[in-house]
């Protein structure tokens, strides 16, 4: 027995319904025959117990998104599974002695300062100061006493006014020239 042929009528394809055999017109991969309203078994999600419409790779849109994000269509990623902000932060630091520079190994801003995203994108040295010392007083900047922009050791960081920070930077530039 040969399978019925698919007929093309312009850009609209005509398919025989596998359940009732009637010819139906489709502009895309429809899964329901309008006559019998049954789901084609080859066009549903392949996850056991899921009867949603096929989206891609044999999965419905929900399971495809989970597969695309996590590599497994059954894994539900919740905020509880996310590592804590402080754990993410400390994983990106090369800690040395207490008086040496602790180097940031994560991403950097074009200015050379470490970049870290907690609630918003901020510099790594400010985050380190807030985690280990406390909140930065309003209106103050954090100055690197060691002159190393990648350093996040709180012993090398000091809150200063913008004017003092600029003054120290100018002195350092003159000393190195």
N, C-alpha and C. Protein backbone atom coordinates (compact mmCIF):
# COMPACT_ATOMS: atom_id res chain seq x y z
N UNK A 1 0.85 -1.17 0.00
CA UNK A 1 0.00 0.00 0.00
C UNK A 1 0.89 1.23 0.00
N UNK A 2 0.66 2.16 -0.89
CA UNK A 2 1.47 3.36 -1.00
C UNK A 2 0.82 4.48 -0.20
N UNK A 3 1.67 5.34 0.33
CA UNK A 3 1.18 6.49 1.11
C UNK A 3 0.62 7.53 0.15
N UNK A 4 -0.46 8.21 0.55
CA UNK A 4 -1.01 9.25 -0.31
C UNK A 4 -0.01 10.38 -0.49
N UNK A 5 0.00 10.96 -1.67
CA UNK A 5 0.96 12.02 -1.98
C UNK A 5 0.47 13.36 -1.46
N UNK A 6 1.46 14.17 -1.09
CA UNK A 6 1.15 15.54 -0.67
C UNK A 6 1.01 16.39 -1.92
N UNK A 7 -0.06 17.14 -1.99
CA UNK A 7 -0.28 18.00 -3.14
C UNK A 7 0.03 19.44 -2.77
N UNK A 8 0.59 20.20 -3.71
CA UNK A 8 0.89 21.60 -3.49
C UNK A 8 -0.08 22.45 -4.29
N UNK A 9 -0.70 23.40 -3.65
CA UNK A 9 -1.59 24.34 -4.32
C UNK A 9 -1.01 25.74 -4.08
N UNK A 10 -0.12 26.19 -4.94
CA UNK A 10 0.55 27.46 -4.73
C UNK A 10 1.51 27.32 -3.57
N UNK A 11 1.42 28.21 -2.59
CA UNK A 11 2.28 28.12 -1.41
C UNK A 11 1.61 27.36 -0.28
N UNK A 12 0.39 26.93 -0.46
CA UNK A 12 -0.36 26.20 0.57
C UNK A 12 -0.30 24.73 0.24
N UNK A 13 0.15 23.92 1.22
CA UNK A 13 0.25 22.47 1.02
C UNK A 13 -1.04 21.80 1.46
N UNK A 14 -1.35 20.69 0.82
CA UNK A 14 -2.51 19.90 1.19
C UNK A 14 -2.02 18.54 1.65
N UNK A 15 -2.43 18.15 2.86
CA UNK A 15 -1.98 16.90 3.46
C UNK A 15 -3.18 16.01 3.76
N UNK A 16 -3.00 14.70 3.63
CA UNK A 16 -4.07 13.81 4.09
C UNK A 16 -3.95 13.62 5.60
N UNK A 17 -5.06 13.67 6.30
CA UNK A 17 -5.06 13.46 7.74
C UNK A 17 -4.76 11.98 7.99
N UNK A 18 -3.80 11.65 8.87
CA UNK A 18 -3.48 10.25 9.12
C UNK A 18 -4.61 9.49 9.84
N UNK A 19 -5.55 10.22 10.47
CA UNK A 19 -6.62 9.55 11.20
C UNK A 19 -7.85 9.31 10.34
N UNK A 20 -8.31 10.38 9.66
CA UNK A 20 -9.55 10.24 8.90
C UNK A 20 -9.32 10.15 7.39
N UNK A 21 -8.14 10.49 6.91
CA UNK A 21 -7.83 10.37 5.49
C UNK A 21 -8.27 11.56 4.65
N UNK A 22 -8.99 12.51 5.23
CA UNK A 22 -9.45 13.66 4.46
C UNK A 22 -8.27 14.57 4.11
N UNK A 23 -8.38 15.23 2.99
CA UNK A 23 -7.34 16.17 2.57
C UNK A 23 -7.57 17.48 3.32
N UNK A 24 -6.51 17.99 3.93
CA UNK A 24 -6.61 19.26 4.64
C UNK A 24 -5.56 20.21 4.08
N UNK A 25 -5.86 21.49 4.13
CA UNK A 25 -4.96 22.51 3.66
C UNK A 25 -4.20 23.09 4.84
N UNK A 26 -2.89 23.26 4.68
CA UNK A 26 -2.08 23.78 5.78
C UNK A 26 -1.04 24.74 5.24
N UNK A 27 -0.84 25.83 5.94
CA UNK A 27 0.22 26.77 5.58
C UNK A 27 1.47 26.49 6.39
N UNK A 28 1.38 25.69 7.41
CA UNK A 28 2.52 25.34 8.26
C UNK A 28 2.30 23.97 8.85
N UNK A 29 3.14 23.56 9.77
CA UNK A 29 3.04 22.21 10.34
C UNK A 29 1.92 22.11 11.37
N UNK A 30 0.67 22.14 10.91
CA UNK A 30 -0.46 22.01 11.83
C UNK A 30 -0.51 20.60 12.36
N UNK A 31 -0.94 20.46 13.59
CA UNK A 31 -0.99 19.13 14.18
C UNK A 31 -2.42 18.60 14.27
N UNK A 32 -3.39 19.46 14.07
CA UNK A 32 -4.78 18.99 14.18
C UNK A 32 -5.47 19.01 12.82
N UNK A 33 -6.21 18.00 12.57
CA UNK A 33 -7.07 17.97 11.39
C UNK A 33 -8.36 18.67 11.78
N UNK A 34 -8.82 19.59 11.00
CA UNK A 34 -10.03 20.33 11.35
C UNK A 34 -11.26 19.42 11.35
N UNK A 35 -11.22 18.37 10.57
CA UNK A 35 -12.37 17.47 10.49
C UNK A 35 -12.48 16.58 11.73
N UNK A 36 -11.40 15.94 12.12
CA UNK A 36 -11.50 15.01 13.24
C UNK A 36 -10.93 15.56 14.54
N UNK A 37 -10.23 16.68 14.50
CA UNK A 37 -9.68 17.35 15.67
C UNK A 37 -8.83 16.42 16.54
N UNK A 38 -8.04 15.56 15.91
CA UNK A 38 -7.14 14.70 16.65
C UNK A 38 -5.71 15.18 16.46
N UNK A 39 -4.89 15.00 17.48
CA UNK A 39 -3.49 15.39 17.40
C UNK A 39 -2.72 14.28 16.70
N UNK A 40 -1.93 14.65 15.70
CA UNK A 40 -1.10 13.65 15.03
C UNK A 40 -0.05 13.16 16.02
N UNK A 41 0.09 11.86 16.18
CA UNK A 41 1.01 11.34 17.19
C UNK A 41 2.47 11.69 16.92
N UNK A 42 2.85 11.94 15.68
CA UNK A 42 4.23 12.27 15.38
C UNK A 42 4.53 13.76 15.55
N UNK A 43 3.54 14.57 15.93
CA UNK A 43 3.74 16.00 16.07
C UNK A 43 3.43 16.49 17.48
N UNK A 44 3.65 15.65 18.48
CA UNK A 44 3.48 16.05 19.86
C UNK A 44 4.83 15.95 20.57
N UNK A 45 4.91 16.54 21.74
CA UNK A 45 6.14 16.53 22.52
C UNK A 45 6.53 15.11 22.88
N UNK A 46 7.81 14.79 22.75
CA UNK A 46 8.26 13.43 23.02
C UNK A 46 8.51 13.15 24.50
N UNK A 47 8.34 14.16 25.36
CA UNK A 47 8.48 13.95 26.81
C UNK A 47 7.27 13.16 27.29
N UNK A 48 7.54 12.10 28.05
CA UNK A 48 6.47 11.23 28.51
C UNK A 48 5.45 11.99 29.36
N UNK A 49 4.19 11.85 29.05
CA UNK A 49 3.13 12.52 29.79
C UNK A 49 2.78 13.90 29.27
N UNK A 50 3.55 14.44 28.35
CA UNK A 50 3.27 15.76 27.78
C UNK A 50 2.60 15.57 26.42
N UNK A 51 1.47 16.22 26.23
CA UNK A 51 0.73 16.08 24.97
C UNK A 51 0.62 17.40 24.24
N UNK A 52 1.56 18.31 24.52
CA UNK A 52 1.52 19.62 23.85
C UNK A 52 2.02 19.50 22.42
N UNK A 53 1.72 20.53 21.65
CA UNK A 53 2.10 20.62 20.25
C UNK A 53 3.62 20.66 20.09
N UNK A 54 4.12 19.97 19.09
CA UNK A 54 5.55 19.94 18.77
C UNK A 54 6.04 21.33 18.41
N UNK A 55 7.23 21.69 18.90
CA UNK A 55 7.82 23.00 18.61
C UNK A 55 9.14 22.85 17.88
N UNK A 56 10.04 22.06 18.43
CA UNK A 56 11.34 21.84 17.80
C UNK A 56 12.06 20.71 18.49
N UNK A 57 12.87 19.95 17.74
CA UNK A 57 13.61 18.80 18.25
C UNK A 57 12.70 17.79 18.91
N UNK A 58 11.45 17.71 18.47
CA UNK A 58 10.50 16.76 19.03
C UNK A 58 9.94 17.18 20.37
N UNK A 59 10.16 18.44 20.76
CA UNK A 59 9.71 18.93 22.07
C UNK A 59 8.71 20.06 21.90
N UNK A 60 7.84 20.23 22.87
CA UNK A 60 6.95 21.39 22.89
C UNK A 60 7.78 22.62 23.26
N UNK A 61 7.18 23.80 23.17
CA UNK A 61 7.92 25.04 23.43
C UNK A 61 8.47 25.07 24.85
N UNK A 62 7.70 24.61 25.84
CA UNK A 62 8.15 24.61 27.23
C UNK A 62 9.38 23.73 27.40
N UNK A 63 9.30 22.48 26.94
CA UNK A 63 10.42 21.56 27.11
C UNK A 63 11.60 21.94 26.22
N UNK A 64 11.35 22.53 25.06
CA UNK A 64 12.45 22.99 24.21
C UNK A 64 13.23 24.10 24.90
N UNK A 65 12.53 25.06 25.54
CA UNK A 65 13.20 26.15 26.25
C UNK A 65 14.04 25.60 27.40
N UNK A 66 13.51 24.63 28.13
CA UNK A 66 14.27 24.02 29.22
C UNK A 66 15.50 23.31 28.67
N UNK A 67 15.34 22.57 27.56
CA UNK A 67 16.46 21.87 26.94
C UNK A 67 17.52 22.88 26.48
N UNK A 68 17.08 23.97 25.86
CA UNK A 68 17.98 24.98 25.32
C UNK A 68 18.75 25.67 26.45
N UNK A 69 18.11 25.93 27.57
CA UNK A 69 18.73 26.64 28.70
C UNK A 69 19.61 25.72 29.53
N UNK A 70 19.15 24.49 29.82
CA UNK A 70 19.81 23.62 30.78
C UNK A 70 20.43 22.38 30.19
N UNK A 71 20.12 22.07 28.91
CA UNK A 71 20.63 20.84 28.30
C UNK A 71 19.76 19.64 28.61
N UNK A 72 18.68 19.82 29.35
CA UNK A 72 17.79 18.73 29.70
C UNK A 72 16.36 19.28 29.75
N UNK A 73 15.42 18.67 29.00
CA UNK A 73 14.06 19.21 28.97
C UNK A 73 13.29 19.03 30.28
N UNK A 74 13.79 18.23 31.20
CA UNK A 74 13.07 17.98 32.45
C UNK A 74 13.59 18.81 33.61
N UNK A 75 14.71 19.52 33.43
CA UNK A 75 15.29 20.32 34.51
C UNK A 75 14.59 21.66 34.57
N UNK A 76 14.06 21.97 35.74
CA UNK A 76 13.43 23.26 35.96
C UNK A 76 14.43 24.09 36.75
N UNK A 77 14.86 25.20 36.18
CA UNK A 77 15.84 26.04 36.85
C UNK A 77 15.10 27.09 37.67
N UNK A 78 15.31 27.06 38.95
CA UNK A 78 14.66 28.03 39.81
C UNK A 78 15.69 28.98 40.39
N UNK A 79 15.23 30.07 40.97
CA UNK A 79 16.14 31.03 41.60
C UNK A 79 16.82 30.41 42.81
N UNK A 80 16.20 29.39 43.41
CA UNK A 80 16.81 28.73 44.56
C UNK A 80 18.07 27.98 44.16
N UNK A 81 18.14 27.53 42.89
CA UNK A 81 19.30 26.78 42.43
C UNK A 81 20.46 27.69 42.08
N UNK A 82 20.23 29.00 41.98
CA UNK A 82 21.30 29.93 41.64
C UNK A 82 22.25 30.08 42.83
N UNK A 83 23.56 30.13 42.54
CA UNK A 83 24.49 30.34 43.65
C UNK A 83 24.34 31.73 44.25
N UNK A 84 24.70 31.86 45.51
CA UNK A 84 24.61 33.15 46.17
C UNK A 84 25.55 34.15 45.52
N UNK A 85 25.19 35.43 45.61
CA UNK A 85 25.99 36.49 45.00
C UNK A 85 27.41 36.48 45.57
N UNK A 86 27.56 36.31 46.88
CA UNK A 86 28.89 36.32 47.47
C UNK A 86 29.72 35.12 47.00
N UNK A 87 29.09 33.95 46.81
CA UNK A 87 29.81 32.78 46.30
C UNK A 87 30.30 33.03 44.88
N UNK A 88 29.45 33.63 44.05
CA UNK A 88 29.86 33.95 42.67
C UNK A 88 31.01 34.94 42.69
N UNK A 89 30.95 35.91 43.60
CA UNK A 89 31.99 36.94 43.67
C UNK A 89 33.33 36.34 44.08
N UNK A 90 33.36 35.59 45.17
CA UNK A 90 34.63 35.06 45.68
C UNK A 90 35.24 34.02 44.77
N UNK A 91 34.44 33.40 43.92
CA UNK A 91 34.98 32.43 42.96
C UNK A 91 35.82 33.10 41.88
N UNK A 92 35.70 34.42 41.73
CA UNK A 92 36.42 35.15 40.69
C UNK A 92 37.62 35.92 41.23
N UNK A 93 38.11 35.54 42.40
CA UNK A 93 39.22 36.26 43.02
C UNK A 93 40.38 35.30 43.27
N UNK A 94 41.57 35.76 42.90
CA UNK A 94 42.80 35.02 43.19
C UNK A 94 43.36 35.61 44.48
N UNK A 95 43.06 34.95 45.59
CA UNK A 95 43.48 35.45 46.91
C UNK A 95 44.93 35.07 47.18
N UNK A 96 45.65 36.02 47.71
CA UNK A 96 47.04 35.79 48.11
C UNK A 96 47.14 36.12 49.59
N UNK A 97 48.28 36.55 50.07
CA UNK A 97 48.43 36.92 51.47
C UNK A 97 47.55 38.10 51.82
N UNK A 98 47.38 38.34 53.11
CA UNK A 98 46.46 39.41 53.55
C UNK A 98 46.97 40.80 53.18
N UNK A 99 48.29 40.95 52.99
CA UNK A 99 48.83 42.26 52.62
C UNK A 99 49.10 42.39 51.13
N UNK A 100 48.96 41.31 50.39
CA UNK A 100 49.19 41.36 48.93
C UNK A 100 47.89 41.68 48.21
N UNK A 101 48.02 42.01 46.94
CA UNK A 101 46.83 42.28 46.11
C UNK A 101 46.05 41.00 45.87
N UNK A 102 44.73 41.10 45.98
CA UNK A 102 43.85 40.01 45.60
C UNK A 102 43.36 40.36 44.21
N UNK A 103 43.75 39.57 43.22
CA UNK A 103 43.46 39.92 41.83
C UNK A 103 42.10 39.41 41.39
N UNK A 104 41.38 40.28 40.70
CA UNK A 104 40.08 39.95 40.12
C UNK A 104 40.33 39.16 38.84
N UNK A 105 39.70 37.99 38.70
CA UNK A 105 39.90 37.15 37.51
C UNK A 105 38.66 37.11 36.62
N UNK A 106 37.63 37.84 37.00
CA UNK A 106 36.41 37.90 36.19
C UNK A 106 36.56 38.87 35.03
N UNK A 107 35.45 39.37 34.54
CA UNK A 107 35.48 40.30 33.41
C UNK A 107 35.86 41.71 33.88
N UNK A 108 36.26 42.53 32.91
CA UNK A 108 36.73 43.88 33.21
C UNK A 108 35.99 44.91 32.37
N UNK A 109 35.85 46.10 32.92
CA UNK A 109 35.38 47.24 32.15
C UNK A 109 36.53 47.72 31.27
N UNK A 110 36.25 48.45 30.19
CA UNK A 110 37.33 48.97 29.35
C UNK A 110 38.31 49.86 30.12
N UNK A 111 37.89 50.44 31.23
CA UNK A 111 38.76 51.30 32.03
C UNK A 111 39.80 50.50 32.82
N UNK A 112 39.67 49.17 32.88
CA UNK A 112 40.62 48.34 33.60
C UNK A 112 40.15 47.87 34.95
N UNK A 113 39.00 48.36 35.41
CA UNK A 113 38.45 47.94 36.70
C UNK A 113 37.65 46.65 36.51
N UNK A 114 37.67 45.78 37.52
CA UNK A 114 36.90 44.54 37.47
C UNK A 114 35.41 44.83 37.40
N UNK A 115 34.67 44.03 36.63
CA UNK A 115 33.22 44.20 36.47
C UNK A 115 32.49 43.04 37.12
N UNK A 116 31.45 43.36 37.89
CA UNK A 116 30.66 42.32 38.55
C UNK A 116 29.21 42.75 38.56
N UNK A 117 28.32 41.78 38.30
CA UNK A 117 26.89 42.09 38.30
C UNK A 117 26.24 41.40 39.49
N UNK A 118 25.74 42.21 40.42
CA UNK A 118 24.93 41.66 41.51
C UNK A 118 23.49 42.03 41.20
N UNK A 119 23.03 43.16 41.61
CA UNK A 119 21.71 43.65 41.20
C UNK A 119 21.86 44.49 39.93
N UNK A 120 22.99 45.17 39.84
CA UNK A 120 23.31 45.94 38.64
C UNK A 120 24.80 45.80 38.41
N UNK A 121 25.26 46.20 37.26
CA UNK A 121 26.67 46.12 36.93
C UNK A 121 27.44 47.15 37.76
N UNK A 122 28.47 46.70 38.45
CA UNK A 122 29.27 47.58 39.29
C UNK A 122 30.73 47.13 39.23
N UNK A 123 31.61 47.91 39.82
CA UNK A 123 33.02 47.53 39.84
C UNK A 123 33.26 46.53 40.96
N UNK A 124 34.21 45.64 40.72
CA UNK A 124 34.49 44.55 41.67
C UNK A 124 35.06 45.09 42.97
N UNK A 125 35.89 46.13 42.91
CA UNK A 125 36.49 46.63 44.16
C UNK A 125 35.44 47.27 45.07
N UNK A 126 34.42 47.89 44.49
CA UNK A 126 33.35 48.45 45.33
C UNK A 126 32.55 47.33 45.99
N UNK A 127 32.29 46.25 45.23
CA UNK A 127 31.56 45.11 45.80
C UNK A 127 32.37 44.47 46.92
N UNK A 128 33.68 44.31 46.73
CA UNK A 128 34.52 43.72 47.77
C UNK A 128 34.50 44.58 49.03
N UNK A 129 34.59 45.88 48.85
CA UNK A 129 34.57 46.79 50.01
C UNK A 129 33.24 46.66 50.76
N UNK A 130 32.15 46.63 50.02
CA UNK A 130 30.83 46.53 50.66
C UNK A 130 30.64 45.19 51.37
N UNK A 131 31.17 44.10 50.80
CA UNK A 131 31.02 42.79 51.41
C UNK A 131 31.86 42.65 52.68
N UNK A 132 33.07 43.19 52.68
CA UNK A 132 33.98 42.96 53.81
C UNK A 132 34.03 44.10 54.82
N UNK A 133 33.82 45.33 54.40
CA UNK A 133 33.94 46.46 55.31
C UNK A 133 32.56 46.99 55.71
N UNK A 134 31.73 47.22 54.71
CA UNK A 134 30.40 47.76 54.96
C UNK A 134 30.02 48.70 53.84
N UNK A 135 28.90 49.39 53.99
CA UNK A 135 28.46 50.28 52.92
C UNK A 135 29.43 51.45 52.71
N UNK A 136 29.54 51.86 51.46
CA UNK A 136 30.40 52.99 51.11
C UNK A 136 29.63 54.26 51.44
N UNK A 137 30.23 55.17 52.20
CA UNK A 137 29.53 56.43 52.52
C UNK A 137 29.13 57.16 51.24
N UNK A 138 27.96 57.76 51.26
CA UNK A 138 27.47 58.41 50.05
C UNK A 138 28.38 59.56 49.64
N UNK A 139 28.58 59.68 48.34
CA UNK A 139 29.40 60.75 47.79
C UNK A 139 30.88 60.44 47.76
N UNK A 140 31.29 59.28 48.26
CA UNK A 140 32.71 58.94 48.28
C UNK A 140 33.06 57.92 47.20
N UNK A 141 34.28 57.97 46.74
CA UNK A 141 34.82 57.02 45.78
C UNK A 141 35.73 56.06 46.54
N UNK A 142 36.06 54.93 45.91
CA UNK A 142 36.99 53.98 46.51
C UNK A 142 38.33 54.12 45.78
N UNK A 143 39.38 54.46 46.54
CA UNK A 143 40.72 54.64 45.97
C UNK A 143 41.54 53.38 46.22
N UNK A 144 42.29 52.95 45.19
CA UNK A 144 43.22 51.84 45.32
C UNK A 144 44.54 52.38 45.85
N UNK A 145 44.90 52.05 47.07
CA UNK A 145 46.17 52.50 47.64
C UNK A 145 47.35 51.82 46.96
N UNK A 146 47.11 50.64 46.37
CA UNK A 146 48.17 49.88 45.71
C UNK A 146 48.31 50.26 44.23
N UNK A 147 47.44 51.10 43.71
CA UNK A 147 47.45 51.54 42.30
C UNK A 147 47.18 50.41 41.31
N UNK A 148 46.61 49.31 41.76
CA UNK A 148 46.30 48.17 40.89
C UNK A 148 44.80 48.09 40.73
N UNK A 149 44.31 48.40 39.54
CA UNK A 149 42.86 48.43 39.31
C UNK A 149 42.20 47.07 39.44
N UNK A 150 42.96 45.99 39.29
CA UNK A 150 42.41 44.64 39.40
C UNK A 150 42.37 44.15 40.85
N UNK A 151 42.91 44.91 41.79
CA UNK A 151 42.97 44.50 43.19
C UNK A 151 41.62 44.72 43.88
N UNK A 152 41.21 43.72 44.67
CA UNK A 152 39.97 43.83 45.44
C UNK A 152 40.21 43.59 46.93
N UNK A 153 41.46 43.63 47.37
CA UNK A 153 41.79 43.46 48.79
C UNK A 153 41.29 44.69 49.54
N UNK A 154 40.40 44.52 50.54
CA UNK A 154 39.86 45.68 51.23
C UNK A 154 40.90 46.48 52.01
N UNK A 155 42.05 45.87 52.33
CA UNK A 155 43.13 46.62 53.00
C UNK A 155 43.78 47.63 52.06
N UNK A 156 43.59 47.42 50.75
CA UNK A 156 44.17 48.31 49.75
C UNK A 156 43.15 49.33 49.24
N UNK A 157 41.96 49.34 49.80
CA UNK A 157 40.89 50.21 49.33
C UNK A 157 40.53 51.22 50.42
N UNK A 158 40.32 52.46 50.01
CA UNK A 158 39.99 53.50 50.98
C UNK A 158 38.92 54.43 50.40
N UNK A 159 37.86 54.71 51.14
CA UNK A 159 36.86 55.67 50.64
C UNK A 159 37.40 57.10 50.74
N UNK A 160 37.36 57.82 49.64
CA UNK A 160 37.84 59.21 49.59
C UNK A 160 36.87 60.03 48.75
N UNK A 161 36.99 61.34 48.84
CA UNK A 161 36.17 62.22 48.00
C UNK A 161 36.69 62.16 46.57
N UNK A 162 35.89 62.62 45.64
CA UNK A 162 36.29 62.62 44.24
C UNK A 162 37.52 63.51 44.04
N UNK A 163 37.56 64.65 44.71
CA UNK A 163 38.70 65.55 44.61
C UNK A 163 39.99 64.91 45.11
N UNK A 164 39.90 64.24 46.25
CA UNK A 164 41.09 63.55 46.80
C UNK A 164 41.54 62.43 45.87
N UNK A 165 40.60 61.70 45.31
CA UNK A 165 40.92 60.61 44.39
C UNK A 165 41.65 61.16 43.16
N UNK A 166 41.17 62.26 42.60
CA UNK A 166 41.81 62.87 41.44
C UNK A 166 43.19 63.42 41.80
N UNK A 167 43.30 64.01 42.98
CA UNK A 167 44.59 64.55 43.42
C UNK A 167 45.63 63.43 43.55
N UNK A 168 45.24 62.30 44.17
CA UNK A 168 46.16 61.17 44.32
C UNK A 168 46.55 60.59 42.96
N UNK A 169 45.59 60.51 42.04
CA UNK A 169 45.88 59.99 40.70
C UNK A 169 46.88 60.89 39.98
N UNK A 170 46.73 62.22 40.13
CA UNK A 170 47.67 63.16 39.49
C UNK A 170 49.06 63.01 40.09
N UNK A 171 49.15 62.84 41.42
CA UNK A 171 50.46 62.64 42.07
C UNK A 171 51.13 61.36 41.57
N UNK A 172 50.34 60.31 41.41
CA UNK A 172 50.90 59.04 40.93
C UNK A 172 51.39 59.17 39.49
N UNK A 173 50.62 59.91 38.67
CA UNK A 173 51.04 60.10 37.27
C UNK A 173 52.33 60.87 37.21
N UNK A 174 52.47 61.92 38.03
CA UNK A 174 53.70 62.71 38.05
C UNK A 174 54.88 61.89 38.54
N UNK A 175 54.65 61.06 39.54
CA UNK A 175 55.73 60.25 40.10
C UNK A 175 56.23 59.20 39.11
N UNK A 176 55.33 58.67 38.29
CA UNK A 176 55.71 57.64 37.33
C UNK A 176 56.30 58.23 36.06
N UNK A 177 56.11 59.52 35.80
CA UNK A 177 56.61 60.13 34.56
C UNK A 177 58.06 60.50 34.63
